[in-house]
Amino acid sequence: MTGKYPDDWPAIAEAAKAAVGNRCERCKHPAERPWKLPAGKQRGWRPELCDGLCNHPADGKQRVLTVHHLDGHKPNCAAWNLAVLCQVCHLSIQGRVTMRQLFMLDHTSWMLPHVEGMLREAALAVA
């Protein structure tokens, strides 16, 4: 990751999360806020948060919602560049995805809007 987060990063991140319904774009797990657990509630996986939209394995991993800069450049807060991911998906994607590379396979449904946005922005920059 390069650069510094913008001063209004917390507001940008919250808006990005709200725009996708406060769920991981990849596995659809709803937002967890472990620092705001009810008294007596243990940290860790909370299976009661999973619903019919979740498509991740029941692996016992806690899934706190994060916002990932797909191009690795923190100041770039274009909508296409901000992927709302649980930390499990974030760590999986961060080391494997390079936005400005050729892709051999079709994009998954959650990634396609990000790639299309990047290509649209690149086309406008050339025009």
Protein backbone atom coordinates (compact mmCIF):
# COMPACT_ATOMS: atom_id res chain seq x y z
CA MET A 1 0.00 0.00 0.00
CA THR A 2 1.27 3.44 -0.85
CA GLY A 3 0.39 6.95 0.21
CA LYS A 4 -1.58 8.28 3.14
CA TYR A 5 -5.26 7.89 3.81
CA PRO A 6 -7.22 11.11 3.18
CA ASP A 7 -8.21 13.09 6.26
CA ASP A 8 -11.86 12.12 5.77
CA TRP A 9 -11.09 8.39 5.40
CA PRO A 10 -13.45 7.27 8.21
CA ALA A 11 -16.39 8.96 6.47
CA ILE A 12 -15.34 7.61 3.06
CA ALA A 13 -15.05 4.07 4.43
CA GLU A 14 -18.44 4.24 6.18
CA ALA A 15 -20.08 5.57 2.99
CA ALA A 16 -18.51 2.74 0.94
CA LYS A 17 -19.82 0.16 3.42
CA ALA A 18 -23.30 1.70 3.43
CA ALA A 19 -23.37 1.73 -0.40
CA VAL A 20 -23.12 -2.08 -0.45
CA GLY A 21 -25.51 -2.69 2.42
CA ASN A 22 -22.83 -3.14 5.10
CA ARG A 23 -21.88 -6.59 3.78
CA CYS A 24 -18.73 -8.08 2.35
CA GLU A 25 -18.98 -7.77 -1.42
CA ARG A 26 -17.32 -11.14 -1.90
CA CYS A 27 -18.79 -13.50 0.74
CA LYS A 28 -21.85 -11.37 1.66
CA HIS A 29 -21.24 -11.63 5.42
CA PRO A 30 -22.89 -8.73 7.29
CA ALA A 31 -20.83 -6.18 9.19
CA GLU A 32 -19.50 -7.17 12.58
CA ARG A 33 -18.29 -4.64 15.08
CA PRO A 34 -16.33 -6.62 17.68
CA TRP A 35 -15.50 -3.50 19.68
CA LYS A 36 -19.23 -2.94 20.29
CA LEU A 37 -20.20 -6.40 21.53
CA PRO A 38 -22.91 -6.67 24.19
CA ALA A 39 -21.69 -7.21 27.75
CA GLY A 40 -20.59 -10.79 28.29
CA LYS A 41 -20.40 -11.58 24.56
CA GLN A 42 -17.19 -13.33 23.47
CA ARG A 43 -15.08 -12.04 20.61
CA GLY A 44 -14.78 -14.41 17.67
CA TRP A 45 -17.09 -15.92 15.09
CA ARG A 46 -20.73 -15.01 15.54
CA PRO A 47 -22.75 -17.56 13.54
CA GLU A 48 -25.97 -15.77 14.47
CA LEU A 49 -24.94 -13.03 12.02
CA CYS A 50 -24.86 -15.43 9.07
CA ASP A 51 -27.99 -15.57 6.96
CA GLY A 52 -29.14 -16.85 3.59
CA LEU A 53 -26.91 -14.35 1.76
CA CYS A 54 -23.62 -15.51 3.30
CA ASN A 55 -21.65 -17.74 0.97
CA HIS A 56 -18.51 -18.36 3.03
CA PRO A 57 -17.64 -21.63 4.76
CA ALA A 58 -18.61 -22.15 8.40
CA ASP A 59 -14.95 -21.92 9.36
CA GLY A 60 -15.27 -20.13 12.69
CA LYS A 61 -13.44 -17.04 11.45
CA GLN A 62 -14.61 -13.62 12.59
CA ARG A 63 -15.43 -11.37 9.66
CA VAL A 64 -15.04 -7.68 10.49
CA LEU A 65 -15.86 -5.39 7.56
CA THR A 66 -12.99 -3.42 6.01
CA VAL A 67 -12.49 -1.27 2.91
CA HIS A 68 -9.66 -2.29 0.58
CA HIS A 69 -7.96 -0.07 -2.01
CA LEU A 70 -7.77 -2.45 -4.96
CA ASP A 71 -4.94 -0.54 -6.66
CA GLY A 72 -2.96 -0.33 -3.40
CA HIS A 73 -2.94 3.49 -3.45
CA LYS A 74 -4.59 4.86 -0.28
CA PRO A 75 -5.30 8.36 -1.62
CA ASN A 76 -7.31 6.90 -4.55
CA CYS A 77 -10.82 6.79 -3.14
CA ALA A 78 -12.63 6.43 -6.46
CA ALA A 79 -15.68 4.19 -6.01
CA TRP A 80 -14.24 1.56 -8.38
CA ASN A 81 -11.12 1.30 -6.22
CA LEU A 82 -12.84 0.72 -2.87
CA ALA A 83 -13.84 -2.89 -2.24
CA VAL A 84 -15.86 -3.53 0.90
CA LEU A 85 -14.57 -6.85 2.19
CA CYS A 86 -14.54 -8.75 5.46
CA GLN A 87 -10.98 -9.11 6.73
CA VAL A 88 -10.88 -12.77 5.62
CA CYS A 89 -11.71 -11.85 2.01
CA HIS A 90 -9.54 -8.71 2.22
CA LEU A 91 -6.46 -10.75 3.10
CA SER A 92 -7.26 -13.26 0.37
CA ILE A 93 -7.63 -10.59 -2.32
CA GLN A 94 -4.90 -8.17 -1.25
CA GLY A 95 -2.00 -10.42 -2.15
CA ARG A 96 -3.48 -11.84 -5.35
CA VAL A 97 -5.15 -9.03 -7.27
CA THR A 98 -3.26 -6.47 -9.33
CA MET A 99 -5.78 -4.14 -10.93
CA ARG A 100 -3.83 -3.07 -13.99
CA GLN A 101 -2.99 -6.54 -15.27
CA LEU A 102 -4.54 -8.64 -17.98
CA PHE A 103 -6.95 -11.27 -16.69
CA MET A 104 -7.22 -14.69 -18.29
CA LEU A 105 -10.58 -15.60 -16.75
CA ASP A 106 -13.88 -13.77 -16.44
CA HIS A 107 -14.30 -11.60 -13.39
CA THR A 108 -16.55 -12.68 -10.57
CA SER A 109 -19.78 -10.76 -10.17
CA TRP A 110 -18.54 -8.76 -7.16
CA MET A 111 -15.28 -7.74 -8.89
CA LEU A 112 -16.72 -6.84 -12.29
CA PRO A 113 -18.04 -3.36 -11.32
CA HIS A 114 -14.61 -2.45 -9.90
CA VAL A 115 -12.81 -3.49 -13.09
CA GLU A 116 -15.38 -1.75 -15.30
CA GLY A 117 -15.01 1.45 -13.25
CA MET A 118 -11.22 1.33 -13.56
CA LEU A 119 -11.43 0.79 -17.32
CA ARG A 120 -13.98 3.61 -17.68
CA GLU A 121 -11.69 5.98 -15.76
CA ALA A 122 -8.68 4.93 -17.86
CA ALA A 123 -10.65 5.52 -21.10
CA LEU A 124 -11.63 9.02 -19.94
CA ALA A 125 -8.02 9.82 -19.09
CA VAL A 126 -6.93 8.88 -22.60
CA ALA A 127 -9.72 10.80 -24.34
